[in-house]
C-alpha atoms as a PDB file:
ATOM      1  CA  MET A   1    -177.458  75.977 134.192  1.00  0.00           C
ATOM      2  CA  SER A   2    -177.011  72.303 133.327  1.00  0.00           C
ATOM      3  CA  THR A   3    -173.684  70.611 133.866  1.00  0.00           C
ATOM      4  CA  VAL A   4    -171.643  68.928 131.144  1.00  0.00           C
ATOM      5  CA  ALA A   5    -172.674  65.555 132.546  1.00  0.00           C
ATOM      6  CA  GLU A   6    -176.346  66.517 132.426  1.00  0.00           C
ATOM      7  CA  ARG A   7    -176.065  67.772 128.842  1.00  0.00           C
ATOM      8  CA  THR A   8    -174.287  64.578 127.829  1.00  0.00           C
ATOM      9  CA  ALA A   9    -176.936  62.435 129.490  1.00  0.00           C
ATOM     10  CA  HIS A  10    -179.674  64.416 127.732  1.00  0.00           C
ATOM     11  CA  ALA A  11    -177.966  63.991 124.359  1.00  0.00           C
ATOM     12  CA  MET A  12    -177.571  60.249 124.871  1.00  0.00           C
ATOM     13  CA  ALA A  13    -181.243  59.942 125.842  1.00  0.00           C
ATOM     14  CA  GLU A  14    -182.288  61.854 122.727  1.00  0.00           C
ATOM     15  CA  ILE A  15    -180.088  59.668 120.517  1.00  0.00           C
ATOM     16  CA  GLU A  16    -181.512  56.498 122.027  1.00  0.00           C
ATOM     17  CA  ALA A  17    -185.026  57.817 121.432  1.00  0.00           C
ATOM     18  CA  ALA A  18    -184.067  58.510 117.813  1.00  0.00           C
ATOM     19  CA  ARG A  19    -182.801  54.950 117.452  1.00  0.00           C
ATOM     20  CA  GLN A  20    -186.226  53.797 118.616  1.00  0.00           C
ATOM     21  CA  GLY A  21    -187.874  55.828 115.871  1.00  0.00           C
ATOM     22  CA  HIS A  22    -188.903  58.938 117.802  1.00  0.00           C
ATOM     23  CA  ARG A  23    -188.701  62.049 115.624  1.00  0.00           C
ATOM     24  CA  GLY A  24    -187.651  65.579 116.509  1.00  0.00           C
ATOM     25  CA  ALA A  25    -184.659  64.881 118.757  1.00  0.00           C
ATOM     26  CA  ASP A  26    -183.409  67.972 120.610  1.00  0.00           C
ATOM     27  CA  LEU A  27    -179.629  67.942 120.180  1.00  0.00           C
ATOM     28  CA  GLY A  28    -178.932  71.620 119.678  1.00  0.00           C
ATOM     29  CA  GLY A  29    -175.350  72.431 120.653  1.00  0.00           C
ATOM     30  CA  ALA A  30    -174.645  68.823 121.648  1.00  0.00           C
ATOM     31  CA  ASP A  31    -171.113  67.413 121.537  1.00  0.00           C
ATOM     32  CA  LEU A  32    -171.506  64.458 119.178  1.00  0.00           C
ATOM     33  CA  GLY A  33    -168.057  64.471 117.639  1.00  0.00           C
ATOM     34  CA  GLY A  34    -167.229  60.984 116.360  1.00  0.00           C
ATOM     35  CA  ALA A  35    -170.607  59.584 117.447  1.00  0.00           C
ATOM     36  CA  ASP A  36    -171.980  56.496 115.703  1.00  0.00           C
ATOM     37  CA  LEU A  37    -175.335  57.633 114.327  1.00  0.00           C
ATOM     38  CA  ARG A  38    -175.496  55.366 111.304  1.00  0.00           C
ATOM     39  CA  CYS A  39    -179.052  54.838 110.053  1.00  0.00           C
ATOM     40  CA  ALA A  40    -180.433  56.899 112.962  1.00  0.00           C
ATOM     41  CA  ASP A  41    -183.864  58.470 112.552  1.00  0.00           C
ATOM     42  CA  LEU A  42    -183.103  62.163 113.015  1.00  0.00           C
ATOM     43  CA  ARG A  43    -185.999  63.575 111.042  1.00  0.00           C
ATOM     44  CA  ASP A  44    -186.899  67.095 112.145  1.00  0.00           C
ATOM     45  CA  ALA A  45    -184.136  66.984 114.772  1.00  0.00           C
ATOM     46  CA  ASN A  46    -182.712  70.150 116.283  1.00  0.00           C
ATOM     47  CA  LEU A  47    -178.964  69.927 115.655  1.00  0.00           C
ATOM     48  CA  ARG A  48    -178.210  73.634 115.493  1.00  0.00           C
ATOM     49  CA  TYR A  49    -174.590  74.348 116.367  1.00  0.00           C
ATOM     50  CA  ALA A  50    -174.050  70.700 117.291  1.00  0.00           C
ATOM     51  CA  ASP A  51    -170.524  69.307 117.091  1.00  0.00           C
ATOM     52  CA  LEU A  52    -170.799  66.411 114.645  1.00  0.00           C
ATOM     53  CA  GLY A  53    -167.201  66.491 113.505  1.00  0.00           C
ATOM     54  CA  GLY A  54    -166.152  63.026 112.346  1.00  0.00           C
ATOM     55  CA  ALA A  55    -169.567  61.572 113.222  1.00  0.00           C
ATOM     56  CA  GLU A  56    -170.793  58.403 111.503  1.00  0.00           C
ATOM     57  CA  LEU A  57    -174.062  59.393 109.831  1.00  0.00           C
ATOM     58  CA  GLY A  58    -174.100  56.999 106.885  1.00  0.00           C
ATOM     59  CA  GLY A  59    -177.664  56.116 105.923  1.00  0.00           C
ATOM     60  CA  ALA A  60    -179.124  58.403 108.593  1.00  0.00           C
ATOM     61  CA  ASP A  61    -182.503  60.005 107.978  1.00  0.00           C
ATOM     62  CA  LEU A  62    -182.072  63.748 108.517  1.00  0.00           C
ATOM     63  CA  ARG A  63    -185.039  64.968 106.522  1.00  0.00           C
ATOM     64  CA  GLY A  64    -186.142  68.357 107.762  1.00  0.00           C
ATOM     65  CA  ALA A  65    -183.420  68.492 110.419  1.00  0.00           C
ATOM     66  CA  ASP A  66    -182.048  71.853 111.545  1.00  0.00           C
ATOM     67  CA  LEU A  67    -178.251  71.733 111.207  1.00  0.00           C
ATOM     68  CA  GLY A  68    -177.702  75.466 111.018  1.00  0.00           C
ATOM     69  CA  GLY A  69    -174.193  76.347 112.145  1.00  0.00           C
ATOM     70  CA  ALA A  70    -173.383  72.717 112.948  1.00  0.00           C
ATOM     71  CA  ASP A  71    -169.842  71.387 112.620  1.00  0.00           C
ATOM     72  CA  LEU A  72    -169.911  68.383 110.283  1.00  0.00           C
ATOM     73  CA  GLY A  73    -166.259  68.548 109.332  1.00  0.00           C
ATOM     74  CA  GLY A  74    -165.039  65.088 108.344  1.00  0.00           C
ATOM     75  CA  ALA A  75    -168.431  63.506 109.042  1.00  0.00           C
ATOM     76  CA  ASP A  76    -169.512  60.441 107.066  1.00  0.00           C
ATOM     77  CA  LEU A  77    -172.852  61.214 105.407  1.00  0.00           C
ATOM     78  CA  ARG A  78    -172.778  58.534 102.734  1.00  0.00           C
ATOM     79  CA  CYS A  79    -176.261  57.675 101.478  1.00  0.00           C
ATOM     80  CA  ALA A  80    -177.854  59.882 104.154  1.00  0.00           C
ATOM     81  CA  ASN A  81    -181.276  61.343 103.439  1.00  0.00           C
ATOM     82  CA  LEU A  82    -180.789  65.087 103.833  1.00  0.00           C
ATOM     83  CA  ARG A  83    -183.863  66.274 101.954  1.00  0.00           C
ATOM     84  CA  GLY A  84    -185.176  69.567 103.254  1.00  0.00           C
ATOM     85  CA  ALA A  85    -182.508  69.821 105.952  1.00  0.00           C
ATOM     86  CA  ASP A  86    -181.234  73.247 106.999  1.00  0.00           C
ATOM     87  CA  PHE A  87    -177.447  73.495 106.607  1.00  0.00           C
ATOM     88  CA  ARG A  88    -177.119  77.272 106.684  1.00  0.00           C
ATOM     89  CA  TYR A  89    -173.630  78.258 107.858  1.00  0.00           C
ATOM     90  CA  ALA A  90    -172.766  74.611 108.560  1.00  0.00           C
ATOM     91  CA  ASN A  91    -169.192  73.379 108.230  1.00  0.00           C
ATOM     92  CA  LEU A  92    -169.067  70.459 105.783  1.00  0.00           C
ATOM     93  CA  ARG A  93    -165.344  70.535 105.074  1.00  0.00           C
ATOM     94  CA  GLY A  94    -164.010  67.041 104.488  1.00  0.00           C
ATOM     95  CA  ALA A  95    -167.475  65.498 104.910  1.00  0.00           C
ATOM     96  CA  ASN A  96    -168.288  62.440 102.818  1.00  0.00           C
ATOM     97  CA  LEU A  97    -171.458  63.297 100.877  1.00  0.00           C
ATOM     98  CA  TRP A  98    -171.256  60.456  98.372  1.00  0.00           C
ATOM     99  CA  ASP A  99    -174.770  59.512  97.254  1.00  0.00           C
ATOM    100  CA  ALA A 100    -176.361  61.706  99.941  1.00  0.00           C
ATOM    101  CA  ASP A 101    -179.766  63.124  98.996  1.00  0.00           C
ATOM    102  CA  LEU A 102    -179.553  66.914  99.301  1.00  0.00           C
ATOM    103  CA  ARG A 103    -182.708  67.773  97.391  1.00  0.00           C
ATOM    104  CA  ASP A 104    -184.549  70.782  98.802  1.00  0.00           C
ATOM    105  CA  ALA A 105    -181.864  71.269 101.463  1.00  0.00           C
ATOM    106  CA  ASP A 106    -181.049  74.843 102.479  1.00  0.00           C
ATOM    107  CA  LEU A 107    -177.316  75.123 101.796  1.00  0.00           C
ATOM    108  CA  ARG A 108    -176.868  78.878 101.976  1.00  0.00           C
ATOM    109  CA  ASP A 109    -173.365  79.652 103.216  1.00  0.00           C
ATOM    110  CA  ALA A 110    -172.681  75.970 103.885  1.00  0.00           C
ATOM    111  CA  ASP A 111    -168.939  75.534 103.399  1.00  0.00           C
ATOM    112  CA  PRO A 112    -167.774  74.323 100.789  1.00  0.00           C
ATOM    113  CA  ILE A 113    -170.944  73.569  98.793  1.00  0.00           C
ATOM    114  CA  LEU A 114    -172.260  75.654  95.900  1.00  0.00           C
ATOM    115  CA  SER A 115    -176.049  76.005  95.970  1.00  0.00           C
ATOM    116  CA  VAL A 116    -177.977  77.847  93.240  1.00  0.00           C
ATOM    117  CA  THR A 117    -181.746  78.233  93.386  1.00  0.00           C
ATOM    118  CA  GLY A 118    -184.278  79.824  91.054  1.00  0.00           C
ATOM    119  CA  LEU A 119    -183.288  77.978  87.879  1.00  0.00           C
ATOM    120  CA  PRO A 120    -186.115  76.591  85.700  1.00  0.00           C
ATOM    121  CA  SER A 121    -184.316  73.244  85.768  1.00  0.00           C
ATOM    122  CA  GLY A 122    -184.390  73.153  89.576  1.00  0.00           C
ATOM    123  CA  HIS A 123    -182.045  73.522  92.524  1.00  0.00           C
ATOM    124  CA  ALA A 124    -178.369  73.169  91.533  1.00  0.00           C
ATOM    125  CA  ILE A 125    -175.924  71.704  94.070  1.00  0.00           C
ATOM    126  CA  LEU A 126    -172.180  71.171  93.547  1.00  0.00           C
ATOM    127  CA  THR A 127    -170.428  69.020  96.161  1.00  0.00           C
ATOM    128  CA  PRO A 128    -166.892  67.615  96.503  1.00  0.00           C
ATOM    129  CA  THR A 129    -166.816  63.799  96.578  1.00  0.00           C
ATOM    130  CA  VAL A 130    -164.153  61.112  96.355  1.00  0.00           C
ATOM    131  CA  SER A 131    -165.030  60.726  92.668  1.00  0.00           C
ATOM    132  CA  GLY A 132    -164.676  64.443  91.955  1.00  0.00           C
ATOM    133  CA  TRP A 133    -167.123  67.326  91.951  1.00  0.00           C
ATOM    134  CA  ALA A 134    -170.688  65.992  91.820  1.00  0.00           C
ATOM    135  CA  LEU A 135    -173.395  68.193  90.320  1.00  0.00           C
ATOM    136  CA  ARG A 136    -177.155  67.896  90.734  1.00  0.00           C
ATOM    137  CA  VAL A 137    -179.588  70.115  88.843  1.00  0.00           C
ATOM    138  CA  GLY A 138    -183.181  69.270  89.648  1.00  0.00           C
ATOM    139  CA  CYS A 139    -183.574  65.560  88.922  1.00  0.00           C
ATOM    140  CA  TRP A 140    -180.396  65.407  86.792  1.00  0.00           C
ATOM    141  CA  THR A 141    -177.119  64.247  88.337  1.00  0.00           C
ATOM    142  CA  GLY A 142    -173.647  64.135  86.853  1.00  0.00           C
ATOM    143  CA  THR A 143    -170.532  66.260  86.486  1.00  0.00           C
ATOM    144  CA  ILE A 144    -169.750  69.707  85.117  1.00  0.00           C
ATOM    145  CA  ASP A 145    -168.525  68.143  81.870  1.00  0.00           C
ATOM    146  CA  GLY A 146    -171.646  65.990  81.790  1.00  0.00           C
ATOM    147  CA  LEU A 147    -173.781  69.109  82.060  1.00  0.00           C
ATOM    148  CA  ARG A 148    -171.929  70.704  79.139  1.00  0.00           C
ATOM    149  CA  THR A 149    -172.596  67.580  77.080  1.00  0.00           C
ATOM    150  CA  LEU A 150    -176.295  67.804  77.902  1.00  0.00           C
ATOM    151  CA  ILE A 151    -176.371  71.517  77.043  1.00  0.00           C
ATOM    152  CA  ALA A 152    -174.991  70.773  73.560  1.00  0.00           C
ATOM    153  CA  GLN A 153    -177.798  68.291  72.837  1.00  0.00           C
ATOM    154  CA  ASP A 154    -181.196  69.113  71.372  1.00  0.00           C
ATOM    155  CA  ASP A 155    -182.896  66.113  72.931  1.00  0.00           C
ATOM    156  CA  GLY A 156    -182.519  63.813  75.906  1.00  0.00           C
ATOM    157  CA  TRP A 157    -183.106  66.597  78.412  1.00  0.00           C
ATOM    158  CA  PRO A 158    -184.952  65.487  81.546  1.00  0.00           C
ATOM    159  CA  GLU A 159    -188.258  67.311  81.954  1.00  0.00           C
ATOM    160  CA  ALA A 160    -187.601  69.746  79.083  1.00  0.00           C
ATOM    161  CA  GLU A 161    -188.158  69.810  75.330  1.00  0.00           C
ATOM    162  CA  GLY A 162    -188.460  72.215  72.428  1.00  0.00           C
ATOM    163  CA  ASP A 163    -188.716  75.845  73.505  1.00  0.00           C
ATOM    164  CA  GLN A 164    -188.004  74.885  77.119  1.00  0.00           C
ATOM    165  CA  ILE A 165    -184.547  73.672  76.113  1.00  0.00           C
ATOM    166  CA  ALA A 166    -183.843  76.933  74.291  1.00  0.00           C
ATOM    167  CA  VAL A 167    -184.749  78.898  77.429  1.00  0.00           C
ATOM    168  CA  ARG A 168    -182.769  76.713  79.822  1.00  0.00           C
ATOM    169  CA  ARG A 169    -179.641  76.265  77.703  1.00  0.00           C
ATOM    170  CA  PRO A 170    -178.007  79.689  78.343  1.00  0.00           C
ATOM    171  CA  MET A 171    -178.792  79.528  82.054  1.00  0.00           C
ATOM    172  CA  LEU A 172    -177.265  76.083  82.404  1.00  0.00           C
ATOM    173  CA  ALA A 173    -174.232  77.197  80.386  1.00  0.00           C
ATOM    174  CA  ALA A 174    -173.759  80.039  82.866  1.00  0.00           C
ATOM    175  CA  LEU A 175    -174.179  77.548  85.717  1.00  0.00           C
ATOM    176  CA  ALA A 176    -171.489  75.289  84.232  1.00  0.00           C
ATOM    177  CA  ASP A 177    -169.119  78.265  84.005  1.00  0.00           C
ATOM    178  CA  MET A 178    -169.864  79.204  87.613  1.00  0.00           C
ATOM    179  CA  CYS A 179    -169.292  75.641  88.782  1.00  0.00           C
ATOM    180  CA  GLU A 180    -165.928  75.467  87.026  1.00  0.00           C
ATOM    181  CA  VAL A 181    -164.741  78.680  88.679  1.00  0.00           C
ATOM    182  CA  TRP A 182    -166.053  77.527  92.055  1.00  0.00           C
ATOM    183  CA  ALA A 183    -164.347  74.135  91.779  1.00  0.00           C
ATOM    184  CA  ALA A 184    -161.043  75.660  90.669  1.00  0.00           C
ATOM    185  CA  ASP A 185    -161.091  78.086  93.596  1.00  0.00           C
ATOM    186  CA  ARG A 186    -161.867  75.299  96.061  1.00  0.00           C
ATOM    187  CA  GLN A 187    -159.508  72.559  94.983  1.00  0.00           C
ATOM    188  CA  TRP A 188    -158.538  72.286  98.649  1.00  0.00           C
ATOM    189  CA  ALA A 189    -162.074  71.125  99.461  1.00  0.00           C
ATOM    190  CA  LEU A 190    -161.904  68.294  96.941  1.00  0.00           C
ATOM    191  CA  ASP A 191    -158.399  67.363  98.094  1.00  0.00           C
ATOM    192  CA  ALA A 192    -159.589  67.176 101.718  1.00  0.00           C
ATOM    193  CA  VAL A 193    -162.409  64.765 100.846  1.00  0.00           C
ATOM    194  CA  ILE A 194    -160.171  62.547  98.722  1.00  0.00           C
ATOM    195  CA  GLU A 195    -157.434  62.520 101.365  1.00  0.00           C
ATOM    196  CA  LYS A 196    -159.856  61.429 104.093  1.00  0.00           C
ATOM    197  CA  TRP A 197    -162.154  59.101 102.166  1.00  0.00           C
ATOM    198  CA  GLY A 198    -160.461  58.198  98.899  1.00  0.00           C
ATOM    199  CA  HIS A 199    -158.557  55.189 100.221  1.00  0.00           C
ATOM    200  CA  SER A 200    -161.452  53.611 102.099  1.00  0.00           C
ATOM    201  CA  ASP A 201    -164.881  52.418 100.994  1.00  0.00           C
ATOM    202  CA  GLY A 202    -165.843  56.063 100.799  1.00  0.00           C
ATOM    203  CA  GLY A 203    -167.920  55.658  97.691  1.00  0.00           C
ATOM    204  CA  ALA A 204    -165.369  55.932  94.890  1.00  0.00           C
ATOM    205  CA  ALA A 205    -166.254  53.967  91.807  1.00  0.00           C
END
């Protein structure tokens, strides 16, 4: 069995390789709490069950990375590319996800994010940010109120018109209701993000 020193040395070597542009870093279970990984190339990396609490991951490329069960509590993920990443059972409490790209990410049981798939309009993701609850549905981004405004319109829908709008409207109305209940039940999640990031350059407008 490897020693703590050996595991640490391995993790540092993998991180350095990632900085040099090598994909697929093996950092499963690594202790990376508070690590500076800004703009690191971590595409397809194995980060399962890694401790990334408080890590600096702003602008990092984590496309296709496996972060299942990872601890990302309080991590800074501003503007990170998280497309297609696996966040199943990950802890994202207090993480800064402002302007992070979560399209196609697997967010099942990722705390405290709401992820809804199977809608004609695309994957819906509700995340707490310093500016409030941010909602993405397919290519549309905005707020819960913004979604209700869109639902009330008969035009201006992205990638939908005519009969498509009539089909999508009731489903999106149900989504808006679900998001409101979710957000109300998880006010603590929004408060945690604002408390940690709201008085810095955490992305607030």
